[in-house]
Amino acid sequence: MKKIEAIIRKSKFDEVKDELHKIEVNFFSYWDVTGVGNEKQGHVYRGVTYSTSDIQRRFLSIVVSDEFVEKTVETILKTAYTGNVGDGKVFVLPVDSAYRIRTREKDEISLK
């Protein structure tokens, strides 16, 4: 099992979520986060300069069985892509164990 953590643009979240459901990744957690990226310049909107050093993003936390890792990562990379600075990051980490509280099922079966 692996934990996939993805930091993506908020504007791409609904599209990413829909595509993950299409590949049967139906359970994951997400929350809004603020981060600091490489882009240091401000943007001007209607004559007002806004700082872009603090970036609003959405953080996804997904645990999948080993056979779903590549498919899940590829779906996120394809769907969250805009080609601009700030598209985000994807991290893949090992998961030692997972449990479903209600049934006490362990590991792979607890993810279904």
PDB file of N, CA and C in Angstrom:
ATOM      1  N   MET A   1       0.840  -1.173   0.000  1.00  0.00           N
ATOM      2  CA  MET A   1       0.000   0.000   0.000  1.00  0.00           C
ATOM      3  C   MET A   1       0.885   1.236   0.000  1.00  0.00           C
ATOM      4  N   LYS A   2       0.325   2.290  -0.607  1.00  0.00           N
ATOM      5  CA  LYS A   2       1.049   3.560  -0.665  1.00  0.00           C
ATOM      6  C   LYS A   2       0.096   4.696  -0.329  1.00  0.00           C
ATOM      7  N   LYS A   3       0.679   5.741   0.227  1.00  0.00           N
ATOM      8  CA  LYS A   3      -0.056   6.974   0.461  1.00  0.00           C
ATOM      9  C   LYS A   3       0.399   7.971  -0.590  1.00  0.00           C
ATOM     10  N   ILE A   4      -0.549   8.519  -1.305  1.00  0.00           N
ATOM     11  CA  ILE A   4      -0.254   9.523  -2.318  1.00  0.00           C
ATOM     12  C   ILE A   4      -0.728  10.864  -1.770  1.00  0.00           C
ATOM     13  N   GLU A   5       0.189  11.803  -1.686  1.00  0.00           N
ATOM     14  CA  GLU A   5      -0.137  13.148  -1.253  1.00  0.00           C
ATOM     15  C   GLU A   5       0.035  14.049  -2.470  1.00  0.00           C
ATOM     16  N   ALA A   6      -0.988  14.822  -2.767  1.00  0.00           N
ATOM     17  CA  ALA A   6      -0.931  15.719  -3.915  1.00  0.00           C
ATOM     18  C   ALA A   6      -1.334  17.116  -3.480  1.00  0.00           C
ATOM     19  N   ILE A   7      -0.577  18.082  -3.935  1.00  0.00           N
ATOM     20  CA  ILE A   7      -0.896  19.485  -3.707  1.00  0.00           C
ATOM     21  C   ILE A   7      -1.208  20.062  -5.081  1.00  0.00           C
ATOM     22  N   ILE A   8      -2.456  20.494  -5.269  1.00  0.00           N
ATOM     23  CA  ILE A   8      -2.904  20.931  -6.588  1.00  0.00           C
ATOM     24  C   ILE A   8      -3.589  22.295  -6.494  1.00  0.00           C
ATOM     25  N   ARG A   9      -3.821  22.898  -7.636  1.00  0.00           N
ATOM     26  CA  ARG A   9      -4.584  24.143  -7.702  1.00  0.00           C
ATOM     27  C   ARG A   9      -6.020  23.877  -7.275  1.00  0.00           C
ATOM     28  N   LYS A  10      -6.599  24.800  -6.525  1.00  0.00           N
ATOM     29  CA  LYS A  10      -8.004  24.654  -6.126  1.00  0.00           C
ATOM     30  C   LYS A  10      -8.906  24.575  -7.347  1.00  0.00           C
ATOM     31  N   SER A  11      -8.577  25.309  -8.393  1.00  0.00           N
ATOM     32  CA  SER A  11      -9.414  25.346  -9.593  1.00  0.00           C
ATOM     33  C   SER A  11      -9.458  24.015 -10.327  1.00  0.00           C
ATOM     34  N   LYS A  12      -8.504  23.122 -10.073  1.00  0.00           N
ATOM     35  CA  LYS A  12      -8.469  21.820 -10.733  1.00  0.00           C
ATOM     36  C   LYS A  12      -9.056  20.708  -9.869  1.00  0.00           C
ATOM     37  N   PHE A  13      -9.446  21.016  -8.632  1.00  0.00           N
ATOM     38  CA  PHE A  13      -9.860  19.979  -7.703  1.00  0.00           C
ATOM     39  C   PHE A  13     -11.059  19.171  -8.199  1.00  0.00           C
ATOM     40  N   ASP A  14     -12.132  19.825  -8.630  1.00  0.00           N
ATOM     41  CA  ASP A  14     -13.327  19.081  -9.055  1.00  0.00           C
ATOM     42  C   ASP A  14     -13.022  18.144 -10.212  1.00  0.00           C
ATOM     43  N   GLU A  15     -12.213  18.603 -11.146  1.00  0.00           N
ATOM     44  CA  GLU A  15     -11.834  17.771 -12.287  1.00  0.00           C
ATOM     45  C   GLU A  15     -11.003  16.567 -11.835  1.00  0.00           C
ATOM     46  N   VAL A  16     -10.039  16.797 -10.943  1.00  0.00           N
ATOM     47  CA  VAL A  16      -9.210  15.704 -10.418  1.00  0.00           C
ATOM     48  C   VAL A  16     -10.081  14.706  -9.656  1.00  0.00           C
ATOM     49  N   LYS A  17     -10.978  15.212  -8.817  1.00  0.00           N
ATOM     50  CA  LYS A  17     -11.865  14.341  -8.039  1.00  0.00           C
ATOM     51  C   LYS A  17     -12.709  13.463  -8.964  1.00  0.00           C
ATOM     52  N   ASP A  18     -13.291  14.045  -9.997  1.00  0.00           N
ATOM     53  CA  ASP A  18     -14.115  13.277 -10.942  1.00  0.00           C
ATOM     54  C   ASP A  18     -13.308  12.200 -11.655  1.00  0.00           C
ATOM     55  N   GLU A  19     -12.092  12.538 -12.060  1.00  0.00           N
ATOM     56  CA  GLU A  19     -11.243  11.562 -12.749  1.00  0.00           C
ATOM     57  C   GLU A  19     -10.794  10.450 -11.808  1.00  0.00           C
ATOM     58  N   LEU A  20     -10.529  10.767 -10.544  1.00  0.00           N
ATOM     59  CA  LEU A  20     -10.175   9.727  -9.574  1.00  0.00           C
ATOM     60  C   LEU A  20     -11.346   8.773  -9.373  1.00  0.00           C
ATOM     61  N   HIS A  21     -12.564   9.295  -9.305  1.00  0.00           N
ATOM     62  CA  HIS A  21     -13.741   8.423  -9.177  1.00  0.00           C
ATOM     63  C   HIS A  21     -13.871   7.502 -10.387  1.00  0.00           C
ATOM     64  N   LYS A  22     -13.546   8.005 -11.576  1.00  0.00           N
ATOM     65  CA  LYS A  22     -13.628   7.185 -12.799  1.00  0.00           C
ATOM     66  C   LYS A  22     -12.686   5.985 -12.759  1.00  0.00           C
ATOM     67  N   ILE A  23     -11.545   6.129 -12.074  1.00  0.00           N
ATOM     68  CA  ILE A  23     -10.606   4.997 -11.984  1.00  0.00           C
ATOM     69  C   ILE A  23     -10.799   4.208 -10.690  1.00  0.00           C
ATOM     70  N   GLU A  24     -11.938   4.453 -10.026  1.00  0.00           N
ATOM     71  CA  GLU A  24     -12.354   3.733  -8.826  1.00  0.00           C
ATOM     72  C   GLU A  24     -11.521   4.051  -7.587  1.00  0.00           C
ATOM     73  N   VAL A  25     -10.976   5.245  -7.530  1.00  0.00           N
ATOM     74  CA  VAL A  25     -10.383   5.753  -6.299  1.00  0.00           C
ATOM     75  C   VAL A  25     -11.473   6.609  -5.678  1.00  0.00           C
ATOM     76  N   ASN A  26     -12.235   6.006  -4.782  1.00  0.00           N
ATOM     77  CA  ASN A  26     -13.451   6.630  -4.285  1.00  0.00           C
ATOM     78  C   ASN A  26     -13.335   7.232  -2.897  1.00  0.00           C
ATOM     79  N   PHE A  27     -12.256   6.958  -2.197  1.00  0.00           N
ATOM     80  CA  PHE A  27     -12.108   7.501  -0.854  1.00  0.00           C
ATOM     81  C   PHE A  27     -10.773   8.207  -0.737  1.00  0.00           C
ATOM     82  N   PHE A  28     -10.821   9.449  -0.337  1.00  0.00           N
ATOM     83  CA  PHE A  28      -9.614  10.191   0.002  1.00  0.00           C
ATOM     84  C   PHE A  28     -10.010  11.410   0.820  1.00  0.00           C
ATOM     85  N   SER A  29      -9.041  11.983   1.483  1.00  0.00           N
ATOM     86  CA  SER A  29      -9.264  13.183   2.281  1.00  0.00           C
ATOM     87  C   SER A  29      -8.631  14.369   1.558  1.00  0.00           C
ATOM     88  N   TYR A  30      -9.167  15.547   1.830  1.00  0.00           N
ATOM     89  CA  TYR A  30      -8.571  16.748   1.250  1.00  0.00           C
ATOM     90  C   TYR A  30      -8.834  17.934   2.165  1.00  0.00           C
ATOM     91  N   TRP A  31      -7.989  18.914   2.060  1.00  0.00           N
ATOM     92  CA  TRP A  31      -8.176  20.144   2.814  1.00  0.00           C
ATOM     93  C   TRP A  31      -7.435  21.271   2.105  1.00  0.00           C
ATOM     94  N   ASP A  32      -7.837  22.488   2.421  1.00  0.00           N
ATOM     95  CA  ASP A  32      -7.203  23.675   1.857  1.00  0.00           C
ATOM     96  C   ASP A  32      -5.930  23.980   2.631  1.00  0.00           C
ATOM     97  N   VAL A  33      -4.886  24.318   1.882  1.00  0.00           N
ATOM     98  CA  VAL A  33      -3.592  24.625   2.494  1.00  0.00           C
ATOM     99  C   VAL A  33      -3.028  25.894   1.866  1.00  0.00           C
ATOM    100  N   THR A  34      -2.091  26.482   2.557  1.00  0.00           N
ATOM    101  CA  THR A  34      -1.340  27.617   2.032  1.00  0.00           C
ATOM    102  C   THR A  34       0.122  27.237   2.058  1.00  0.00           C
ATOM    103  N   GLY A  35       0.815  27.519   0.978  1.00  0.00           N
ATOM    104  CA  GLY A  35       2.222  27.173   0.911  1.00  0.00           C
ATOM    105  C   GLY A  35       3.035  28.299   0.319  1.00  0.00           C
ATOM    106  N   VAL A  36       4.316  28.092   0.258  1.00  0.00           N
ATOM    107  CA  VAL A  36       5.233  29.039  -0.344  1.00  0.00           C
ATOM    108  C   VAL A  36       5.911  28.321  -1.487  1.00  0.00           C
ATOM    109  N   GLY A  37       5.889  28.942  -2.666  1.00  0.00           N
ATOM    110  CA  GLY A  37       6.477  28.311  -3.843  1.00  0.00           C
ATOM    111  C   GLY A  37       7.706  29.039  -4.338  1.00  0.00           C
ATOM    112  N   ASN A  38       8.165  28.644  -5.521  1.00  0.00           N
ATOM    113  CA  ASN A  38       9.360  29.242  -6.114  1.00  0.00           C
ATOM    114  C   ASN A  38       9.096  30.618  -6.715  1.00  0.00           C
ATOM    115  N   GLU A  39       7.876  30.873  -7.148  1.00  0.00           N
ATOM    116  CA  GLU A  39       7.569  32.146  -7.796  1.00  0.00           C
ATOM    117  C   GLU A  39       7.532  33.253  -6.745  1.00  0.00           C
ATOM    118  N   LYS A  40       8.359  34.281  -6.921  1.00  0.00           N
ATOM    119  CA  LYS A  40       8.488  35.340  -5.926  1.00  0.00           C
ATOM    120  C   LYS A  40       7.854  36.656  -6.356  1.00  0.00           C
ATOM    121  N   GLN A  41       7.509  36.783  -7.634  1.00  0.00           N
ATOM    122  CA  GLN A  41       6.975  38.061  -8.103  1.00  0.00           C
ATOM    123  C   GLN A  41       5.487  38.177  -7.824  1.00  0.00           C
ATOM    124  N   GLY A  42       5.012  39.414  -7.767  1.00  0.00           N
ATOM    125  CA  GLY A  42       3.599  39.663  -7.555  1.00  0.00           C
ATOM    126  C   GLY A  42       2.856  39.734  -8.879  1.00  0.00           C
ATOM    127  N   HIS A  43       1.547  39.654  -8.823  1.00  0.00           N
ATOM    128  CA  HIS A  43       0.702  39.804 -10.003  1.00  0.00           C
ATOM    129  C   HIS A  43      -0.101  41.085  -9.858  1.00  0.00           C
ATOM    130  N   VAL A  44      -0.348  41.734 -10.967  1.00  0.00           N
ATOM    131  CA  VAL A  44      -1.117  42.974 -10.958  1.00  0.00           C
ATOM    132  C   VAL A  44      -2.510  42.687 -11.496  1.00  0.00           C
ATOM    133  N   TYR A  45      -3.517  43.081 -10.736  1.00  0.00           N
ATOM    134  CA  TYR A  45      -4.908  42.923 -11.151  1.00  0.00           C
ATOM    135  C   TYR A  45      -5.612  44.244 -10.922  1.00  0.00           C
ATOM    136  N   ARG A  46      -6.080  44.852 -11.992  1.00  0.00           N
ATOM    137  CA  ARG A  46      -6.753  46.151 -11.935  1.00  0.00           C
ATOM    138  C   ARG A  46      -5.913  47.203 -11.210  1.00  0.00           C
ATOM    139  N   GLY A  47      -4.630  47.188 -11.529  1.00  0.00           N
ATOM    140  CA  GLY A  47      -3.741  48.193 -10.989  1.00  0.00           C
ATOM    141  C   GLY A  47      -3.216  47.930  -9.592  1.00  0.00           C
ATOM    142  N   VAL A  48      -3.639  46.829  -8.962  1.00  0.00           N
ATOM    143  CA  VAL A  48      -3.195  46.499  -7.607  1.00  0.00           C
ATOM    144  C   VAL A  48      -2.274  45.285  -7.688  1.00  0.00           C
ATOM    145  N   THR A  49      -1.098  45.380  -7.036  1.00  0.00           N
ATOM    146  CA  THR A  49      -0.156  44.272  -7.017  1.00  0.00           C
ATOM    147  C   THR A  49      -0.484  43.339  -5.859  1.00  0.00           C
ATOM    148  N   TYR A  50      -0.612  42.051  -6.174  1.00  0.00           N
ATOM    149  CA  TYR A  50      -0.893  41.034  -5.158  1.00  0.00           C
ATOM    150  C   TYR A  50       0.318  40.125  -5.006  1.00  0.00           C
ATOM    151  N   SER A  51       0.643  39.790  -3.781  1.00  0.00           N
ATOM    152  CA  SER A  51       1.754  38.887  -3.510  1.00  0.00           C
ATOM    153  C   SER A  51       1.349  37.465  -3.892  1.00  0.00           C
ATOM    154  N   THR A  52       2.259  36.764  -4.543  1.00  0.00           N
ATOM    155  CA  THR A  52       2.003  35.363  -4.859  1.00  0.00           C
ATOM    156  C   THR A  52       2.930  34.446  -4.074  1.00  0.00           C
ATOM    157  N   SER A  53       3.575  34.998  -3.044  1.00  0.00           N
ATOM    158  CA  SER A  53       4.485  34.156  -2.269  1.00  0.00           C
ATOM    159  C   SER A  53       3.710  33.168  -1.391  1.00  0.00           C
ATOM    160  N   ASP A  54       2.493  33.530  -0.977  1.00  0.00           N
ATOM    161  CA  ASP A  54       1.626  32.601  -0.248  1.00  0.00           C
ATOM    162  C   ASP A  54       0.594  32.074  -1.232  1.00  0.00           C
ATOM    163  N   ILE A  55       0.634  30.779  -1.478  1.00  0.00           N
ATOM    164  CA  ILE A  55      -0.171  30.184  -2.538  1.00  0.00           C
ATOM    165  C   ILE A  55      -1.272  29.317  -1.935  1.00  0.00           C
ATOM    166  N   GLN A  56      -2.513  29.574  -2.315  1.00  0.00           N
ATOM    167  CA  GLN A  56      -3.651  28.769  -1.877  1.00  0.00           C
ATOM    168  C   GLN A  56      -3.749  27.521  -2.750  1.00  0.00           C
ATOM    169  N   ARG A  57      -3.762  26.363  -2.131  1.00  0.00           N
ATOM    170  CA  ARG A  57      -3.840  25.092  -2.863  1.00  0.00           C
ATOM    171  C   ARG A  57      -4.757  24.128  -2.116  1.00  0.00           C
ATOM    172  N   ARG A  58      -5.005  22.996  -2.717  1.00  0.00           N
ATOM    173  CA  ARG A  58      -5.764  21.929  -2.084  1.00  0.00           C
ATOM    174  C   ARG A  58      -4.832  20.736  -1.933  1.00  0.00           C
ATOM    175  N   PHE A  59      -4.850  20.121  -0.751  1.00  0.00           N
ATOM    176  CA  PHE A  59      -3.993  18.983  -0.413  1.00  0.00           C
ATOM    177  C   PHE A  59      -4.856  17.728  -0.396  1.00  0.00           C
ATOM    178  N   LEU A  60      -4.473  16.719  -1.163  1.00  0.00           N
ATOM    179  CA  LEU A  60      -5.188  15.446  -1.205  1.00  0.00           C
ATOM    180  C   LEU A  60      -4.341  14.377  -0.548  1.00  0.00           C
ATOM    181  N   SER A  61      -4.976  13.548   0.252  1.00  0.00           N
ATOM    182  CA  SER A  61      -4.313  12.421   0.896  1.00  0.00           C
ATOM    183  C   SER A  61      -5.069  11.158   0.499  1.00  0.00           C
ATOM    184  N   ILE A  62      -4.394  10.270  -0.233  1.00  0.00           N
ATOM    185  CA  ILE A  62      -5.033   9.099  -0.814  1.00  0.00           C
ATOM    186  C   ILE A  62      -4.203   7.865  -0.470  1.00  0.00           C
ATOM    187  N   VAL A  63      -4.824   6.829   0.068  1.00  0.00           N
ATOM    188  CA  VAL A  63      -4.128   5.559   0.304  1.00  0.00           C
ATOM    189  C   VAL A  63      -4.711   4.537  -0.659  1.00  0.00           C
ATOM    190  N   VAL A  64      -3.831   3.898  -1.427  1.00  0.00           N
ATOM    191  CA  VAL A  64      -4.266   2.919  -2.426  1.00  0.00           C
ATOM    192  C   VAL A  64      -3.404   1.663  -2.331  1.00  0.00           C
ATOM    193  N   SER A  65      -3.941   0.574  -2.863  1.00  0.00           N
ATOM    194  CA  SER A  65      -3.147  -0.650  -2.960  1.00  0.00           C
ATOM    195  C   SER A  65      -2.074  -0.436  -4.028  1.00  0.00           C
ATOM    196  N   ASP A  66      -1.043  -1.262  -3.990  1.00  0.00           N
ATOM    197  CA  ASP A  66       0.103  -1.089  -4.886  1.00  0.00           C
ATOM    198  C   ASP A  66      -0.288  -1.072  -6.357  1.00  0.00           C
ATOM    199  N   GLU A  67      -1.295  -1.851  -6.746  1.00  0.00           N
ATOM    200  CA  GLU A  67      -1.665  -1.903  -8.161  1.00  0.00           C
ATOM    201  C   GLU A  67      -2.367  -0.632  -8.648  1.00  0.00           C
ATOM    202  N   PHE A  68      -2.810   0.227  -7.743  1.00  0.00           N
ATOM    203  CA  PHE A  68      -3.479   1.474  -8.129  1.00  0.00           C
ATOM    204  C   PHE A  68      -2.554   2.689  -8.108  1.00  0.00           C
ATOM    205  N   VAL A  69      -1.317   2.516  -7.667  1.00  0.00           N
ATOM    206  CA  VAL A  69      -0.423   3.661  -7.487  1.00  0.00           C
ATOM    207  C   VAL A  69      -0.167   4.389  -8.805  1.00  0.00           C
ATOM    208  N   GLU A  70       0.318   3.694  -9.814  1.00  0.00           N
ATOM    209  CA  GLU A  70       0.668   4.340 -11.081  1.00  0.00           C
ATOM    210  C   GLU A  70      -0.544   4.983 -11.732  1.00  0.00           C
ATOM    211  N   LYS A  71      -1.672   4.272 -11.728  1.00  0.00           N
ATOM    212  CA  LYS A  71      -2.891   4.790 -12.333  1.00  0.00           C
ATOM    213  C   LYS A  71      -3.355   6.060 -11.613  1.00  0.00           C
ATOM    214  N   THR A  72      -3.260   6.062 -10.299  1.00  0.00           N
ATOM    215  CA  THR A  72      -3.679   7.221  -9.512  1.00  0.00           C
ATOM    216  C   THR A  72      -2.765   8.413  -9.754  1.00  0.00           C
ATOM    217  N   VAL A  73      -1.465   8.189  -9.723  1.00  0.00           N
ATOM    218  CA  VAL A  73      -0.504   9.265  -9.952  1.00  0.00           C
ATOM    219  C   VAL A  73      -0.667   9.835 -11.357  1.00  0.00           C
ATOM    220  N   GLU A  74      -0.778   8.973 -12.355  1.00  0.00           N
ATOM    221  CA  GLU A  74      -0.939   9.437 -13.736  1.00  0.00           C
ATOM    222  C   GLU A  74      -2.208  10.254 -13.911  1.00  0.00           C
ATOM    223  N   THR A  75      -3.282   9.830 -13.251  1.00  0.00           N
ATOM    224  CA  THR A  75      -4.543  10.576 -13.330  1.00  0.00           C
ATOM    225  C   THR A  75      -4.385  11.973 -12.745  1.00  0.00           C
ATOM    226  N   ILE A  76      -3.726  12.072 -11.607  1.00  0.00           N
ATOM    227  CA  ILE A  76      -3.505  13.382 -10.991  1.00  0.00           C
ATOM    228  C   ILE A  76      -2.613  14.244 -11.871  1.00  0.00           C
ATOM    229  N   LEU A  77      -1.503  13.682 -12.356  1.00  0.00           N
ATOM    230  CA  LEU A  77      -0.574  14.448 -13.189  1.00  0.00           C
ATOM    231  C   LEU A  77      -1.260  14.971 -14.448  1.00  0.00           C
ATOM    232  N   LYS A  78      -2.067  14.127 -15.076  1.00  0.00           N
ATOM    233  CA  LYS A  78      -2.746  14.513 -16.317  1.00  0.00           C
ATOM    234  C   LYS A  78      -3.830  15.555 -16.055  1.00  0.00           C
ATOM    235  N   THR A  79      -4.607  15.361 -15.016  1.00  0.00           N
ATOM    236  CA  THR A  79      -5.781  16.194 -14.784  1.00  0.00           C
ATOM    237  C   THR A  79      -5.428  17.526 -14.130  1.00  0.00           C
ATOM    238  N   ALA A  80      -4.440  17.561 -13.262  1.00  0.00           N
ATOM    239  CA  ALA A  80      -4.084  18.793 -12.555  1.00  0.00           C
ATOM    240  C   ALA A  80      -3.173  19.703 -13.378  1.00  0.00           C
ATOM    241  N   TYR A  81      -2.717  19.237 -14.506  1.00  0.00           N
ATOM    242  CA  TYR A  81      -1.752  19.963 -15.334  1.00  0.00           C
ATOM    243  C   TYR A  81      -2.364  21.189 -16.020  1.00  0.00           C
ATOM    244  N   THR A  82      -1.679  22.338 -15.909  1.00  0.00           N
ATOM    245  CA  THR A  82      -2.026  23.516 -16.702  1.00  0.00           C
ATOM    246  C   THR A  82      -0.833  23.971 -17.538  1.00  0.00           C
ATOM    247  N   GLY A  83       0.358  23.533 -17.154  1.00  0.00           N
ATOM    248  CA  GLY A  83       1.560  23.955 -17.849  1.00  0.00           C
ATOM    249  C   GLY A  83       2.175  25.224 -17.278  1.00  0.00           C
ATOM    250  N   ASN A  84       1.564  25.767 -16.253  1.00  0.00           N
ATOM    251  CA  ASN A  84       2.060  26.997 -15.635  1.00  0.00           C
ATOM    252  C   ASN A  84       2.759  26.691 -14.319  1.00  0.00           C
ATOM    253  N   VAL A  85       3.612  27.641 -13.894  1.00  0.00           N
ATOM    254  CA  VAL A  85       4.261  27.521 -12.592  1.00  0.00           C
ATOM    255  C   VAL A  85       3.173  27.408 -11.532  1.00  0.00           C
ATOM    256  N   GLY A  86       3.341  26.482 -10.583  1.00  0.00           N
ATOM    257  CA  GLY A  86       2.384  26.346  -9.494  1.00  0.00           C
ATOM    258  C   GLY A  86       1.357  25.253  -9.693  1.00  0.00           C
ATOM    259  N   ASP A  87       1.587  24.359 -10.658  1.00  0.00           N
ATOM    260  CA  ASP A  87       0.644  23.247 -10.866  1.00  0.00           C
ATOM    261  C   ASP A  87       0.596  22.315  -9.663  1.00  0.00           C
ATOM    262  N   GLY A  88       1.675  22.218  -8.902  1.00  0.00           N
ATOM    263  CA  GLY A  88       1.654  21.415  -7.681  1.00  0.00           C
ATOM    264  C   GLY A  88       2.698  20.328  -7.643  1.00  0.00           C
ATOM    265  N   LYS A  89       2.526  19.432  -6.695  1.00  0.00           N
ATOM    266  CA  LYS A  89       3.452  18.320  -6.461  1.00  0.00           C
ATOM    267  C   LYS A  89       2.665  17.068  -6.107  1.00  0.00           C
ATOM    268  N   VAL A  90       3.287  15.911  -6.351  1.00  0.00           N
ATOM    269  CA  VAL A  90       2.722  14.618  -5.949  1.00  0.00           C
ATOM    270  C   VAL A  90       3.832  13.848  -5.240  1.00  0.00           C
ATOM    271  N   PHE A  91       3.504  13.287  -4.075  1.00  0.00           N
ATOM    272  CA  PHE A  91       4.452  12.487  -3.299  1.00  0.00           C
ATOM    273  C   PHE A  91       3.857  11.108  -3.081  1.00  0.00           C
ATOM    274  N   VAL A  92       4.694  10.078  -3.128  1.00  0.00           N
ATOM    275  CA  VAL A  92       4.251   8.711  -2.875  1.00  0.00           C
ATOM    276  C   VAL A  92       5.071   8.166  -1.706  1.00  0.00           C
ATOM    277  N   LEU A  93       4.351   7.699  -0.665  1.00  0.00           N
ATOM    278  CA  LEU A  93       4.992   7.215   0.552  1.00  0.00           C
ATOM    279  C   LEU A  93       4.507   5.798   0.871  1.00  0.00           C
ATOM    280  N   PRO A  94       5.342   5.002   1.522  1.00  0.00           N
ATOM    281  CA  PRO A  94       4.892   3.666   1.915  1.00  0.00           C
ATOM    282  C   PRO A  94       3.917   3.723   3.088  1.00  0.00           C
ATOM    283  N   VAL A  95       2.994   2.762   3.114  1.00  0.00           N
ATOM    284  CA  VAL A  95       2.051   2.618   4.230  1.00  0.00           C
ATOM    285  C   VAL A  95       2.242   1.218   4.796  1.00  0.00           C
ATOM    286  N   ASP A  96       2.547   1.125   6.077  1.00  0.00           N
ATOM    287  CA  ASP A  96       2.796  -0.168   6.704  1.00  0.00           C
ATOM    288  C   ASP A  96       1.512  -0.954   6.945  1.00  0.00           C
ATOM    289  N   SER A  97       0.487  -0.282   7.445  1.00  0.00           N
ATOM    290  CA  SER A  97      -0.770  -0.960   7.753  1.00  0.00           C
ATOM    291  C   SER A  97      -1.924   0.020   7.623  1.00  0.00           C
ATOM    292  N   ALA A  98      -3.106  -0.548   7.375  1.00  0.00           N
ATOM    293  CA  ALA A  98      -4.338   0.244   7.353  1.00  0.00           C
ATOM    294  C   ALA A  98      -5.433  -0.600   7.989  1.00  0.00           C
ATOM    295  N   TYR A  99      -6.324   0.038   8.732  1.00  0.00           N
ATOM    296  CA  TYR A  99      -7.404  -0.672   9.415  1.00  0.00           C
ATOM    297  C   TYR A  99      -8.729   0.034   9.169  1.00  0.00           C
ATOM    298  N   ARG A 100      -9.780  -0.737   8.980  1.00  0.00           N
ATOM    299  CA  ARG A 100     -11.132  -0.195   8.972  1.00  0.00           C
ATOM    300  C   ARG A 100     -11.665  -0.362  10.386  1.00  0.00           C
ATOM    301  N   ILE A 101     -12.025   0.729  11.016  1.00  0.00           N
ATOM    302  CA  ILE A 101     -12.427   0.704  12.418  1.00  0.00           C
ATOM    303  C   ILE A 101     -13.677  -0.143  12.629  1.00  0.00           C
ATOM    304  N   ARG A 102     -14.683   0.044  11.778  1.00  0.00           N
ATOM    305  CA  ARG A 102     -15.969  -0.635  11.980  1.00  0.00           C
ATOM    306  C   ARG A 102     -15.837  -2.160  11.983  1.00  0.00           C
ATOM    307  N   THR A 103     -15.085  -2.716  11.036  1.00  0.00           N
ATOM    308  CA  THR A 103     -15.010  -4.177  10.894  1.00  0.00           C
ATOM    309  C   THR A 103     -13.687  -4.767  11.371  1.00  0.00           C
ATOM    310  N   ARG A 104     -12.735  -3.904  11.680  1.00  0.00           N
ATOM    311  CA  ARG A 104     -11.392  -4.309  12.081  1.00  0.00           C
ATOM    312  C   ARG A 104     -10.621  -4.990  10.953  1.00  0.00           C
ATOM    313  N   GLU A 105     -11.086  -4.824   9.717  1.00  0.00           N
ATOM    314  CA  GLU A 105     -10.352  -5.375   8.575  1.00  0.00           C
ATOM    315  C   GLU A 105      -9.012  -4.656   8.464  1.00  0.00           C
ATOM    316  N   LYS A 106      -8.022  -5.402   7.964  1.00  0.00           N
ATOM    317  CA  LYS A 106      -6.663  -4.887   7.946  1.00  0.00           C
ATOM    318  C   LYS A 106      -6.113  -4.848   6.522  1.00  0.00           C
ATOM    319  N   ASP A 107      -5.275  -3.864   6.272  1.00  0.00           N
ATOM    320  CA  ASP A 107      -4.496  -3.690   5.065  1.00  0.00           C
ATOM    321  C   ASP A 107      -5.342  -3.572   3.798  1.00  0.00           C
ATOM    322  N   GLU A 108      -5.018  -4.281   2.738  1.00  0.00           N
ATOM    323  CA  GLU A 108      -5.649  -4.097   1.427  1.00  0.00           C
ATOM    324  C   GLU A 108      -7.168  -4.176   1.485  1.00  0.00           C
ATOM    325  N   ILE A 109      -7.703  -5.123   2.215  1.00  0.00           N
ATOM    326  CA  ILE A 109      -9.157  -5.295   2.273  1.00  0.00           C
ATOM    327  C   ILE A 109      -9.830  -4.086   2.937  1.00  0.00           C
ATOM    328  N   SER A 110      -9.119  -3.407   3.811  1.00  0.00           N
ATOM    329  CA  SER A 110      -9.706  -2.238   4.482  1.00  0.00           C
ATOM    330  C   SER A 110      -9.852  -1.049   3.541  1.00  0.00           C
ATOM    331  N   LEU A 111      -9.200  -1.094   2.388  1.00  0.00           N
ATOM    332  CA  LEU A 111      -9.267   0.011   1.436  1.00  0.00           C
ATOM    333  C   LEU A 111     -10.445  -0.106   0.474  1.00  0.00           C
ATOM    334  N   LYS A 112     -11.114  -1.243   0.474  1.00  0.00           N
ATOM    335  CA  LYS A 112     -12.203  -1.458  -0.494  1.00  0.00           C
ATOM    336  C   LYS A 112     -13.541  -1.090   0.074  1.00  0.00           C
TER     337      LYS A 112
END
